[in-house]
Each structure stands twice: as C-alpha cells, then as structure tokens.
Amino acid sequence: MTRHSLMPFVMGAVMGLVMLWMLHMQITGEGDQSIAALVVFAAAHVGALAAILVVPLFAARRLAWVRRLAKHMHRPRLSQAVYMLAGAVFAAAITHVIIHGGVI
C-alpha cells in the first residue's frame, strides 16, 4: 500500500471504531449520552460537508485568488473514499470478533 491508499484506510479505521463505539452504546443502552453523541456526530459531519461544499463554491465565484488556489488543491478521488469505508468496515469487524469472540 502506498501513502495515498494507506492514509485514507487508517483514517477510516479510526472513524469506524468511533462510530462502532457510539452505536454499541446506543444499542446496549449503557450510556445516557449515547443518543446525544450520535446526533452530534451526525450533525458535525453534515455541517462539515456543508462547509466543505458551500464555502469554497461561494468564494470561488467571488474571489479571483481563491479560484487560482482551487486549481492546485487536492481533490479526493472515489478510490480514497472506498479505502476509508474499507478501513471502517475492517476495523469494526476485527474489533467485534475480538471483543465478542465471533462473527455474530
């Protein structure tokens, strides 16, 4: 694996473990803040996605220096998103098998 495939995989694995932890808390009812944590997690990602999409598009239309900067910015590829999802699934599956001792 290269840096361009390993980094998204590791990031996805970490995010997958966080999501697994929050879902586990939600399913088992072990924490009072589990619903709030899940809502905050989802809202933060929706807000970040909105900021990532709206702010640069608005700025690129208004400011010439932002248009020049946008030409040189990194744009994630679909393969990187697939690596992130694969890392999340892999980490969640391995953790589940280790903790519960089985697939189900």
PDB file of N, CA and C in Angstrom:
ATOM      1  N   MET A   1       0.840  -1.185   0.000  1.00  0.00           N
ATOM      2  CA  MET A   1       0.000   0.000   0.000  1.00  0.00           C
ATOM      3  C   MET A   1       0.878   1.238   0.000  1.00  0.00           C
ATOM      4  N   THR A   2       0.439   2.219  -0.729  1.00  0.00           N
ATOM      5  CA  THR A   2       1.163   3.483  -0.759  1.00  0.00           C
ATOM      6  C   THR A   2       0.559   4.446   0.251  1.00  0.00           C
ATOM      7  N   ARG A   3       1.190   5.573   0.394  1.00  0.00           N
ATOM      8  CA  ARG A   3       0.695   6.600   1.321  1.00  0.00           C
ATOM      9  C   ARG A   3      -0.702   7.060   0.915  1.00  0.00           C
ATOM     10  N   HIS A   4      -0.971   7.085  -0.388  1.00  0.00           N
ATOM     11  CA  HIS A   4      -2.256   7.579  -0.877  1.00  0.00           C
ATOM     12  C   HIS A   4      -3.392   6.595  -0.638  1.00  0.00           C
ATOM     13  N   SER A   5      -3.059   5.353  -0.379  1.00  0.00           N
ATOM     14  CA  SER A   5      -4.103   4.389  -0.048  1.00  0.00           C
ATOM     15  C   SER A   5      -4.090   4.037   1.441  1.00  0.00           C
ATOM     16  N   LEU A   6      -2.940   4.112   2.074  1.00  0.00           N
ATOM     17  CA  LEU A   6      -2.831   3.758   3.479  1.00  0.00           C
ATOM     18  C   LEU A   6      -3.457   4.825   4.386  1.00  0.00           C
ATOM     19  N   MET A   7      -3.228   6.087   4.078  1.00  0.00           N
ATOM     20  CA  MET A   7      -3.747   7.157   4.929  1.00  0.00           C
ATOM     21  C   MET A   7      -5.282   7.159   4.988  1.00  0.00           C
ATOM     22  N   PRO A   8      -5.994   7.081   3.864  1.00  0.00           N
ATOM     23  CA  PRO A   8      -7.454   7.003   3.966  1.00  0.00           C
ATOM     24  C   PRO A   8      -7.929   5.741   4.682  1.00  0.00           C
ATOM     25  N   PHE A   9      -7.226   4.629   4.506  1.00  0.00           N
ATOM     26  CA  PHE A   9      -7.596   3.383   5.179  1.00  0.00           C
ATOM     27  C   PHE A   9      -7.492   3.541   6.693  1.00  0.00           C
ATOM     28  N   VAL A  10      -6.399   4.130   7.160  1.00  0.00           N
ATOM     29  CA  VAL A  10      -6.199   4.326   8.603  1.00  0.00           C
ATOM     30  C   VAL A  10      -7.216   5.326   9.158  1.00  0.00           C
ATOM     31  N   MET A  11      -7.457   6.400   8.429  1.00  0.00           N
ATOM     32  CA  MET A  11      -8.451   7.378   8.879  1.00  0.00           C
ATOM     33  C   MET A  11      -9.834   6.744   8.973  1.00  0.00           C
ATOM     34  N   GLY A  12     -10.187   5.930   7.986  1.00  0.00           N
ATOM     35  CA  GLY A  12     -11.471   5.234   8.023  1.00  0.00           C
ATOM     36  C   GLY A  12     -11.552   4.255   9.175  1.00  0.00           C
ATOM     37  N   ALA A  13     -10.440   3.576   9.461  1.00  0.00           N
ATOM     38  CA  ALA A  13     -10.426   2.628  10.580  1.00  0.00           C
ATOM     39  C   ALA A  13     -10.678   3.339  11.901  1.00  0.00           C
ATOM     40  N   VAL A  14     -10.059   4.477  12.102  1.00  0.00           N
ATOM     41  CA  VAL A  14     -10.258   5.231  13.342  1.00  0.00           C
ATOM     42  C   VAL A  14     -11.698   5.727  13.433  1.00  0.00           C
ATOM     43  N   MET A  15     -12.218   6.266  12.346  1.00  0.00           N
ATOM     44  CA  MET A  15     -13.598   6.749  12.361  1.00  0.00           C
ATOM     45  C   MET A  15     -14.577   5.591  12.536  1.00  0.00           C
ATOM     46  N   GLY A  16     -14.253   4.436  11.972  1.00  0.00           N
ATOM     47  CA  GLY A  16     -15.118   3.276  12.136  1.00  0.00           C
ATOM     48  C   GLY A  16     -15.193   2.816  13.581  1.00  0.00           C
ATOM     49  N   LEU A  17     -14.079   2.859  14.281  1.00  0.00           N
ATOM     50  CA  LEU A  17     -14.078   2.470  15.693  1.00  0.00           C
ATOM     51  C   LEU A  17     -14.886   3.447  16.545  1.00  0.00           C
ATOM     52  N   VAL A  18     -14.785   4.722  16.234  1.00  0.00           N
ATOM     53  CA  VAL A  18     -15.575   5.718  16.974  1.00  0.00           C
ATOM     54  C   VAL A  18     -17.064   5.494  16.736  1.00  0.00           C
ATOM     55  N   MET A  19     -17.427   5.259  15.490  1.00  0.00           N
ATOM     56  CA  MET A  19     -18.836   5.026  15.175  1.00  0.00           C
ATOM     57  C   MET A  19     -19.322   3.722  15.797  1.00  0.00           C
ATOM     58  N   LEU A  20     -18.492   2.688  15.779  1.00  0.00           N
ATOM     59  CA  LEU A  20     -18.856   1.421  16.406  1.00  0.00           C
ATOM     60  C   LEU A  20     -19.087   1.605  17.901  1.00  0.00           C
ATOM     61  N   TRP A  21     -18.237   2.376  18.537  1.00  0.00           N
ATOM     62  CA  TRP A  21     -18.393   2.643  19.963  1.00  0.00           C
ATOM     63  C   TRP A  21     -19.707   3.359  20.239  1.00  0.00           C
ATOM     64  N   MET A  22     -20.023   4.372  19.429  1.00  0.00           N
ATOM     65  CA  MET A  22     -21.270   5.112  19.657  1.00  0.00           C
ATOM     66  C   MET A  22     -22.497   4.247  19.369  1.00  0.00           C
ATOM     67  N   LEU A  23     -22.446   3.454  18.316  1.00  0.00           N
ATOM     68  CA  LEU A  23     -23.580   2.577  18.025  1.00  0.00           C
ATOM     69  C   LEU A  23     -23.745   1.509  19.097  1.00  0.00           C
ATOM     70  N   HIS A  24     -22.636   0.987  19.605  1.00  0.00           N
ATOM     71  CA  HIS A  24     -22.709  -0.013  20.665  1.00  0.00           C
ATOM     72  C   HIS A  24     -23.355   0.573  21.910  1.00  0.00           C
ATOM     73  N   MET A  25     -22.994   1.791  22.253  1.00  0.00           N
ATOM     74  CA  MET A  25     -23.610   2.467  23.396  1.00  0.00           C
ATOM     75  C   MET A  25     -25.108   2.658  23.161  1.00  0.00           C
ATOM     76  N   GLN A  26     -25.467   2.990  21.939  1.00  0.00           N
ATOM     77  CA  GLN A  26     -26.870   3.206  21.600  1.00  0.00           C
ATOM     78  C   GLN A  26     -27.656   1.894  21.689  1.00  0.00           C
ATOM     79  N   ILE A  27     -27.107   0.830  21.145  1.00  0.00           N
ATOM     80  CA  ILE A  27     -27.811  -0.456  21.111  1.00  0.00           C
ATOM     81  C   ILE A  27     -27.957  -1.055  22.501  1.00  0.00           C
ATOM     82  N   THR A  28     -26.905  -1.009  23.291  1.00  0.00           N
ATOM     83  CA  THR A  28     -26.939  -1.637  24.616  1.00  0.00           C
ATOM     84  C   THR A  28     -27.536  -0.732  25.686  1.00  0.00           C
ATOM     85  N   GLY A  29     -27.640   0.554  25.418  1.00  0.00           N
ATOM     86  CA  GLY A  29     -28.207   1.471  26.398  1.00  0.00           C
ATOM     87  C   GLY A  29     -27.302   1.683  27.592  1.00  0.00           C
ATOM     88  N   GLU A  30     -25.994   1.559  27.394  1.00  0.00           N
ATOM     89  CA  GLU A  30     -25.046   1.685  28.508  1.00  0.00           C
ATOM     90  C   GLU A  30     -24.773   3.124  28.911  1.00  0.00           C
ATOM     91  N   GLY A  31     -25.147   4.078  28.096  1.00  0.00           N
ATOM     92  CA  GLY A  31     -24.842   5.461  28.426  1.00  0.00           C
ATOM     93  C   GLY A  31     -26.041   6.362  28.193  1.00  0.00           C
ATOM     94  N   ASP A  32     -26.187   7.359  29.050  1.00  0.00           N
ATOM     95  CA  ASP A  32     -27.286   8.304  28.894  1.00  0.00           C
ATOM     96  C   ASP A  32     -27.052   9.247  27.721  1.00  0.00           C
ATOM     97  N   GLN A  33     -25.807   9.527  27.419  1.00  0.00           N
ATOM     98  CA  GLN A  33     -25.486  10.475  26.366  1.00  0.00           C
ATOM     99  C   GLN A  33     -25.305   9.807  25.008  1.00  0.00           C
ATOM    100  N   SER A  34     -25.666   8.548  24.871  1.00  0.00           N
ATOM    101  CA  SER A  34     -25.413   7.849  23.612  1.00  0.00           C
ATOM    102  C   SER A  34     -26.215   8.441  22.460  1.00  0.00           C
ATOM    103  N   ILE A  35     -27.466   8.805  22.680  1.00  0.00           N
ATOM    104  CA  ILE A  35     -28.270   9.411  21.622  1.00  0.00           C
ATOM    105  C   ILE A  35     -27.705  10.777  21.278  1.00  0.00           C
ATOM    106  N   ALA A  36     -27.360  11.545  22.287  1.00  0.00           N
ATOM    107  CA  ALA A  36     -26.803  12.878  22.043  1.00  0.00           C
ATOM    108  C   ALA A  36     -25.477  12.788  21.293  1.00  0.00           C
ATOM    109  N   ALA A  37     -24.647  11.820  21.652  1.00  0.00           N
ATOM    110  CA  ALA A  37     -23.364  11.669  20.964  1.00  0.00           C
ATOM    111  C   ALA A  37     -23.563  11.287  19.507  1.00  0.00           C
ATOM    112  N   LEU A  38     -24.520  10.425  19.232  1.00  0.00           N
ATOM    113  CA  LEU A  38     -24.804  10.022  17.865  1.00  0.00           C
ATOM    114  C   LEU A  38     -25.342  11.180  17.040  1.00  0.00           C
ATOM    115  N   VAL A  39     -26.218  11.975  17.641  1.00  0.00           N
ATOM    116  CA  VAL A  39     -26.774  13.143  16.946  1.00  0.00           C
ATOM    117  C   VAL A  39     -25.689  14.179  16.685  1.00  0.00           C
ATOM    118  N   VAL A  40     -24.836  14.432  17.666  1.00  0.00           N
ATOM    119  CA  VAL A  40     -23.746  15.391  17.484  1.00  0.00           C
ATOM    120  C   VAL A  40     -22.773  14.898  16.422  1.00  0.00           C
ATOM    121  N   PHE A  41     -22.478  13.609  16.419  1.00  0.00           N
ATOM    122  CA  PHE A  41     -21.581  13.037  15.419  1.00  0.00           C
ATOM    123  C   PHE A  41     -22.152  13.233  14.013  1.00  0.00           C
ATOM    124  N   ALA A  42     -23.421  12.898  13.833  1.00  0.00           N
ATOM    125  CA  ALA A  42     -24.055  13.054  12.521  1.00  0.00           C
ATOM    126  C   ALA A  42     -24.156  14.527  12.126  1.00  0.00           C
ATOM    127  N   ALA A  43     -24.545  15.383  13.068  1.00  0.00           N
ATOM    128  CA  ALA A  43     -24.677  16.816  12.775  1.00  0.00           C
ATOM    129  C   ALA A  43     -23.326  17.441  12.428  1.00  0.00           C
ATOM    130  N   ALA A  44     -22.283  17.023  13.107  1.00  0.00           N
ATOM    131  CA  ALA A  44     -20.956  17.564  12.803  1.00  0.00           C
ATOM    132  C   ALA A  44     -20.523  17.184  11.396  1.00  0.00           C
ATOM    133  N   HIS A  45     -20.830  15.965  10.988  1.00  0.00           N
ATOM    134  CA  HIS A  45     -20.459  15.560   9.637  1.00  0.00           C
ATOM    135  C   HIS A  45     -21.309  16.268   8.579  1.00  0.00           C
ATOM    136  N   VAL A  46     -22.578  16.465   8.850  1.00  0.00           N
ATOM    137  CA  VAL A  46     -23.428  17.214   7.907  1.00  0.00           C
ATOM    138  C   VAL A  46     -22.950  18.664   7.817  1.00  0.00           C
ATOM    139  N   GLY A  47     -22.631  19.268   8.955  1.00  0.00           N
ATOM    140  CA  GLY A  47     -22.123  20.639   8.952  1.00  0.00           C
ATOM    141  C   GLY A  47     -20.792  20.774   8.251  1.00  0.00           C
ATOM    142  N   ALA A  48     -19.909  19.823   8.491  1.00  0.00           N
ATOM    143  CA  ALA A  48     -18.606  19.863   7.815  1.00  0.00           C
ATOM    144  C   ALA A  48     -18.767  19.686   6.309  1.00  0.00           C
ATOM    145  N   LEU A  49     -19.638  18.793   5.901  1.00  0.00           N
ATOM    146  CA  LEU A  49     -19.882  18.596   4.475  1.00  0.00           C
ATOM    147  C   LEU A  49     -20.457  19.858   3.839  1.00  0.00           C
ATOM    148  N   ALA A  50     -21.380  20.497   4.530  1.00  0.00           N
ATOM    149  CA  ALA A  50     -21.952  21.744   4.008  1.00  0.00           C
ATOM    150  C   ALA A  50     -20.881  22.824   3.883  1.00  0.00           C
ATOM    151  N   ALA A  51     -20.046  22.938   4.901  1.00  0.00           N
ATOM    152  CA  ALA A  51     -18.977  23.944   4.851  1.00  0.00           C
ATOM    153  C   ALA A  51     -17.973  23.636   3.752  1.00  0.00           C
ATOM    154  N   ILE A  52     -17.651  22.357   3.599  1.00  0.00           N
ATOM    155  CA  ILE A  52     -16.682  21.964   2.579  1.00  0.00           C
ATOM    156  C   ILE A  52     -17.218  22.233   1.178  1.00  0.00           C
ATOM    157  N   LEU A  53     -18.512  22.073   0.989  1.00  0.00           N
ATOM    158  CA  LEU A  53     -19.088  22.271  -0.337  1.00  0.00           C
ATOM    159  C   LEU A  53     -19.481  23.720  -0.610  1.00  0.00           C
ATOM    160  N   VAL A  54     -20.109  24.370   0.341  1.00  0.00           N
ATOM    161  CA  VAL A  54     -20.691  25.691   0.101  1.00  0.00           C
ATOM    162  C   VAL A  54     -19.658  26.808   0.142  1.00  0.00           C
ATOM    163  N   VAL A  55     -18.818  26.824   1.151  1.00  0.00           N
ATOM    164  CA  VAL A  55     -17.874  27.937   1.306  1.00  0.00           C
ATOM    165  C   VAL A  55     -16.913  28.059   0.126  1.00  0.00           C
ATOM    166  N   PRO A  56     -16.258  26.988  -0.307  1.00  0.00           N
ATOM    167  CA  PRO A  56     -15.356  27.146  -1.454  1.00  0.00           C
ATOM    168  C   PRO A  56     -16.082  27.519  -2.746  1.00  0.00           C
ATOM    169  N   LEU A  57     -17.272  26.959  -2.957  1.00  0.00           N
ATOM    170  CA  LEU A  57     -18.013  27.315  -4.164  1.00  0.00           C
ATOM    171  C   LEU A  57     -18.396  28.786  -4.163  1.00  0.00           C
ATOM    172  N   PHE A  58     -18.832  29.280  -3.012  1.00  0.00           N
ATOM    173  CA  PHE A  58     -19.187  30.696  -2.907  1.00  0.00           C
ATOM    174  C   PHE A  58     -17.949  31.572  -3.088  1.00  0.00           C
ATOM    175  N   ALA A  59     -16.862  31.205  -2.426  1.00  0.00           N
ATOM    176  CA  ALA A  59     -15.641  32.006  -2.518  1.00  0.00           C
ATOM    177  C   ALA A  59     -15.041  31.961  -3.917  1.00  0.00           C
ATOM    178  N   ALA A  60     -15.116  30.821  -4.575  1.00  0.00           N
ATOM    179  CA  ALA A  60     -14.537  30.703  -5.915  1.00  0.00           C
ATOM    180  C   ALA A  60     -15.267  31.578  -6.915  1.00  0.00           C
ATOM    181  N   ARG A  61     -16.525  31.830  -6.686  1.00  0.00           N
ATOM    182  CA  ARG A  61     -17.268  32.704  -7.592  1.00  0.00           C
ATOM    183  C   ARG A  61     -16.951  34.182  -7.351  1.00  0.00           C
ATOM    184  N   ARG A  62     -16.576  34.507  -6.133  1.00  0.00           N
ATOM    185  CA  ARG A  62     -16.389  35.917  -5.773  1.00  0.00           C
ATOM    186  C   ARG A  62     -14.935  36.392  -5.820  1.00  0.00           C
ATOM    187  N   LEU A  63     -13.999  35.520  -5.498  1.00  0.00           N
ATOM    188  CA  LEU A  63     -12.616  35.952  -5.327  1.00  0.00           C
ATOM    189  C   LEU A  63     -11.693  35.266  -6.336  1.00  0.00           C
ATOM    190  N   ALA A  64     -10.934  36.062  -7.049  1.00  0.00           N
ATOM    191  CA  ALA A  64     -10.039  35.518  -8.078  1.00  0.00           C
ATOM    192  C   ALA A  64      -8.913  34.697  -7.460  1.00  0.00           C
ATOM    193  N   TRP A  65      -8.359  35.126  -6.333  1.00  0.00           N
ATOM    194  CA  TRP A  65      -7.249  34.389  -5.731  1.00  0.00           C
ATOM    195  C   TRP A  65      -7.701  33.031  -5.229  1.00  0.00           C
ATOM    196  N   VAL A  66      -8.974  32.902  -4.845  1.00  0.00           N
ATOM    197  CA  VAL A  66      -9.493  31.603  -4.419  1.00  0.00           C
ATOM    198  C   VAL A  66      -9.623  30.679  -5.626  1.00  0.00           C
ATOM    199  N   ARG A  67     -10.018  31.222  -6.775  1.00  0.00           N
ATOM    200  CA  ARG A  67     -10.093  30.414  -7.994  1.00  0.00           C
ATOM    201  C   ARG A  67      -8.724  29.867  -8.363  1.00  0.00           C
ATOM    202  N   ARG A  68      -7.688  30.710  -8.255  1.00  0.00           N
ATOM    203  CA  ARG A  68      -6.328  30.251  -8.556  1.00  0.00           C
ATOM    204  C   ARG A  68      -5.871  29.192  -7.562  1.00  0.00           C
ATOM    205  N   LEU A  69      -6.189  29.384  -6.294  1.00  0.00           N
ATOM    206  CA  LEU A  69      -5.819  28.419  -5.254  1.00  0.00           C
ATOM    207  C   LEU A  69      -6.555  27.096  -5.455  1.00  0.00           C
ATOM    208  N   ALA A  70      -7.805  27.153  -5.868  1.00  0.00           N
ATOM    209  CA  ALA A  70      -8.608  25.941  -6.047  1.00  0.00           C
ATOM    210  C   ALA A  70      -8.058  25.049  -7.159  1.00  0.00           C
ATOM    211  N   LYS A  71      -7.371  25.630  -8.109  1.00  0.00           N
ATOM    212  CA  LYS A  71      -6.792  24.830  -9.188  1.00  0.00           C
ATOM    213  C   LYS A  71      -5.703  23.897  -8.673  1.00  0.00           C
ATOM    214  N   HIS A  72      -5.055  24.259  -7.558  1.00  0.00           N
ATOM    215  CA  HIS A  72      -3.935  23.486  -7.031  1.00  0.00           C
ATOM    216  C   HIS A  72      -4.300  22.669  -5.793  1.00  0.00           C
ATOM    217  N   MET A  73      -5.558  22.682  -5.389  1.00  0.00           N
ATOM    218  CA  MET A  73      -5.974  21.962  -4.192  1.00  0.00           C
ATOM    219  C   MET A  73      -6.136  20.477  -4.473  1.00  0.00           C
ATOM    220  N   HIS A  74      -5.971  19.698  -3.422  1.00  0.00           N
ATOM    221  CA  HIS A  74      -6.182  18.252  -3.520  1.00  0.00           C
ATOM    222  C   HIS A  74      -7.683  17.979  -3.551  1.00  0.00           C
ATOM    223  N   ARG A  75      -8.095  17.169  -4.499  1.00  0.00           N
ATOM    224  CA  ARG A  75      -9.486  16.752  -4.580  1.00  0.00           C
ATOM    225  C   ARG A  75      -9.519  15.233  -4.372  1.00  0.00           C
ATOM    226  N   PRO A  76     -10.197  14.783  -3.324  1.00  0.00           N
ATOM    227  CA  PRO A  76     -10.232  13.346  -3.057  1.00  0.00           C
ATOM    228  C   PRO A  76     -10.888  12.579  -4.209  1.00  0.00           C
ATOM    229  N   ARG A  77     -10.350  11.416  -4.469  1.00  0.00           N
ATOM    230  CA  ARG A  77     -10.901  10.558  -5.514  1.00  0.00           C
ATOM    231  C   ARG A  77     -11.861   9.550  -4.876  1.00  0.00           C
ATOM    232  N   LEU A  78     -12.665   8.934  -5.712  1.00  0.00           N
ATOM    233  CA  LEU A  78     -13.607   7.920  -5.235  1.00  0.00           C
ATOM    234  C   LEU A  78     -12.852   6.756  -4.593  1.00  0.00           C
ATOM    235  N   SER A  79     -11.694   6.421  -5.128  1.00  0.00           N
ATOM    236  CA  SER A  79     -10.926   5.309  -4.554  1.00  0.00           C
ATOM    237  C   SER A  79     -10.517   5.604  -3.109  1.00  0.00           C
ATOM    238  N   GLN A  80     -10.239   6.867  -2.798  1.00  0.00           N
ATOM    239  CA  GLN A  80      -9.877   7.217  -1.426  1.00  0.00           C
ATOM    240  C   GLN A  80     -11.072   7.058  -0.490  1.00  0.00           C
ATOM    241  N   ALA A  81     -12.268   7.401  -0.965  1.00  0.00           N
ATOM    242  CA  ALA A  81     -13.475   7.193  -0.158  1.00  0.00           C
ATOM    243  C   ALA A  81     -13.726   5.704   0.058  1.00  0.00           C
ATOM    244  N   VAL A  82     -13.462   4.915  -0.963  1.00  0.00           N
ATOM    245  CA  VAL A  82     -13.620   3.458  -0.832  1.00  0.00           C
ATOM    246  C   VAL A  82     -12.619   2.913   0.188  1.00  0.00           C
ATOM    247  N   TYR A  83     -11.383   3.402   0.158  1.00  0.00           N
ATOM    248  CA  TYR A  83     -10.391   2.975   1.154  1.00  0.00           C
ATOM    249  C   TYR A  83     -10.837   3.345   2.569  1.00  0.00           C
ATOM    250  N   MET A  84     -11.423   4.524   2.735  1.00  0.00           N
ATOM    251  CA  MET A  84     -11.901   4.932   4.059  1.00  0.00           C
ATOM    252  C   MET A  84     -13.013   4.009   4.537  1.00  0.00           C
ATOM    253  N   LEU A  85     -13.967   3.714   3.661  1.00  0.00           N
ATOM    254  CA  LEU A  85     -15.053   2.811   4.057  1.00  0.00           C
ATOM    255  C   LEU A  85     -14.529   1.407   4.341  1.00  0.00           C
ATOM    256  N   ALA A  86     -13.572   0.952   3.545  1.00  0.00           N
ATOM    257  CA  ALA A  86     -12.979  -0.369   3.776  1.00  0.00           C
ATOM    258  C   ALA A  86     -12.265  -0.403   5.130  1.00  0.00           C
ATOM    259  N   GLY A  87     -11.551   0.658   5.464  1.00  0.00           N
ATOM    260  CA  GLY A  87     -10.878   0.725   6.760  1.00  0.00           C
ATOM    261  C   GLY A  87     -11.863   0.707   7.912  1.00  0.00           C
ATOM    262  N   ALA A  88     -12.983   1.418   7.754  1.00  0.00           N
ATOM    263  CA  ALA A  88     -14.001   1.447   8.805  1.00  0.00           C
ATOM    264  C   ALA A  88     -14.622   0.067   9.002  1.00  0.00           C
ATOM    265  N   VAL A  89     -14.969  -0.585   7.910  1.00  0.00           N
ATOM    266  CA  VAL A  89     -15.570  -1.921   7.998  1.00  0.00           C
ATOM    267  C   VAL A  89     -14.573  -2.920   8.571  1.00  0.00           C
ATOM    268  N   PHE A  90     -13.342  -2.874   8.116  1.00  0.00           N
ATOM    269  CA  PHE A  90     -12.312  -3.794   8.598  1.00  0.00           C
ATOM    270  C   PHE A  90     -12.084  -3.630  10.097  1.00  0.00           C
ATOM    271  N   ALA A  91     -11.915  -2.392  10.557  1.00  0.00           N
ATOM    272  CA  ALA A  91     -11.657  -2.144  11.977  1.00  0.00           C
ATOM    273  C   ALA A  91     -12.850  -2.563  12.826  1.00  0.00           C
ATOM    274  N   ALA A  92     -14.060  -2.263  12.366  1.00  0.00           N
ATOM    275  CA  ALA A  92     -15.253  -2.637  13.129  1.00  0.00           C
ATOM    276  C   ALA A  92     -15.400  -4.158  13.191  1.00  0.00           C
ATOM    277  N   ALA A  93     -15.145  -4.832  12.084  1.00  0.00           N
ATOM    278  CA  ALA A  93     -15.282  -6.286  12.064  1.00  0.00           C
ATOM    279  C   ALA A  93     -14.247  -6.952  12.961  1.00  0.00           C
ATOM    280  N   ILE A  94     -13.004  -6.539  12.871  1.00  0.00           N
ATOM    281  CA  ILE A  94     -11.950  -7.131  13.699  1.00  0.00           C
ATOM    282  C   ILE A  94     -12.218  -6.870  15.181  1.00  0.00           C
ATOM    283  N   THR A  95     -12.615  -5.661  15.501  1.00  0.00           N
ATOM    284  CA  THR A  95     -12.907  -5.324  16.896  1.00  0.00           C
ATOM    285  C   THR A  95     -14.080  -6.152  17.414  1.00  0.00           C
ATOM    286  N   HIS A  96     -15.112  -6.303  16.613  1.00  0.00           N
ATOM    287  CA  HIS A  96     -16.275  -7.084  17.020  1.00  0.00           C
ATOM    288  C   HIS A  96     -15.892  -8.540  17.271  1.00  0.00           C
ATOM    289  N   VAL A  97     -15.094  -9.111  16.391  1.00  0.00           N
ATOM    290  CA  VAL A  97     -14.671 -10.507  16.548  1.00  0.00           C
ATOM    291  C   VAL A  97     -13.794 -10.662  17.792  1.00  0.00           C
ATOM    292  N   ILE A  98     -12.916  -9.719  18.040  1.00  0.00           N
ATOM    293  CA  ILE A  98     -12.024  -9.812  19.203  1.00  0.00           C
ATOM    294  C   ILE A  98     -12.814  -9.682  20.506  1.00  0.00           C
ATOM    295  N   ILE A  99     -13.734  -8.734  20.562  1.00  0.00           N
ATOM    296  CA  ILE A  99     -14.464  -8.492  21.804  1.00  0.00           C
ATOM    297  C   ILE A  99     -15.506  -9.574  22.059  1.00  0.00           C
ATOM    298  N   HIS A 100     -16.277  -9.924  21.043  1.00  0.00           N
ATOM    299  CA  HIS A 100     -17.380 -10.852  21.243  1.00  0.00           C
ATOM    300  C   HIS A 100     -17.035 -12.304  20.908  1.00  0.00           C
ATOM    301  N   GLY A 101     -15.885 -12.528  20.318  1.00  0.00           N
ATOM    302  CA  GLY A 101     -15.444 -13.888  20.065  1.00  0.00           C
ATOM    303  C   GLY A 101     -16.149 -14.588  18.928  1.00  0.00           C
ATOM    304  N   GLY A 102     -16.744 -13.849  18.028  1.00  0.00           N
ATOM    305  CA  GLY A 102     -17.423 -14.476  16.906  1.00  0.00           C
ATOM    306  C   GLY A 102     -17.947 -13.438  15.934  1.00  0.00           C
ATOM    307  N   VAL A 103     -18.472 -13.923  14.826  1.00  0.00           N
ATOM    308  CA  VAL A 103     -18.975 -13.016  13.805  1.00  0.00           C
ATOM    309  C   VAL A 103     -20.328 -12.447  14.189  1.00  0.00           C
ATOM    310  N   ILE A 104     -21.145 -13.247  14.878  1.00  0.00           N
ATOM    311  CA  ILE A 104     -22.495 -12.787  15.244  1.00  0.00           C
ATOM    312  C   ILE A 104     -22.555 -12.556  16.738  1.00  0.00           C
TER     313      ILE A 104
END
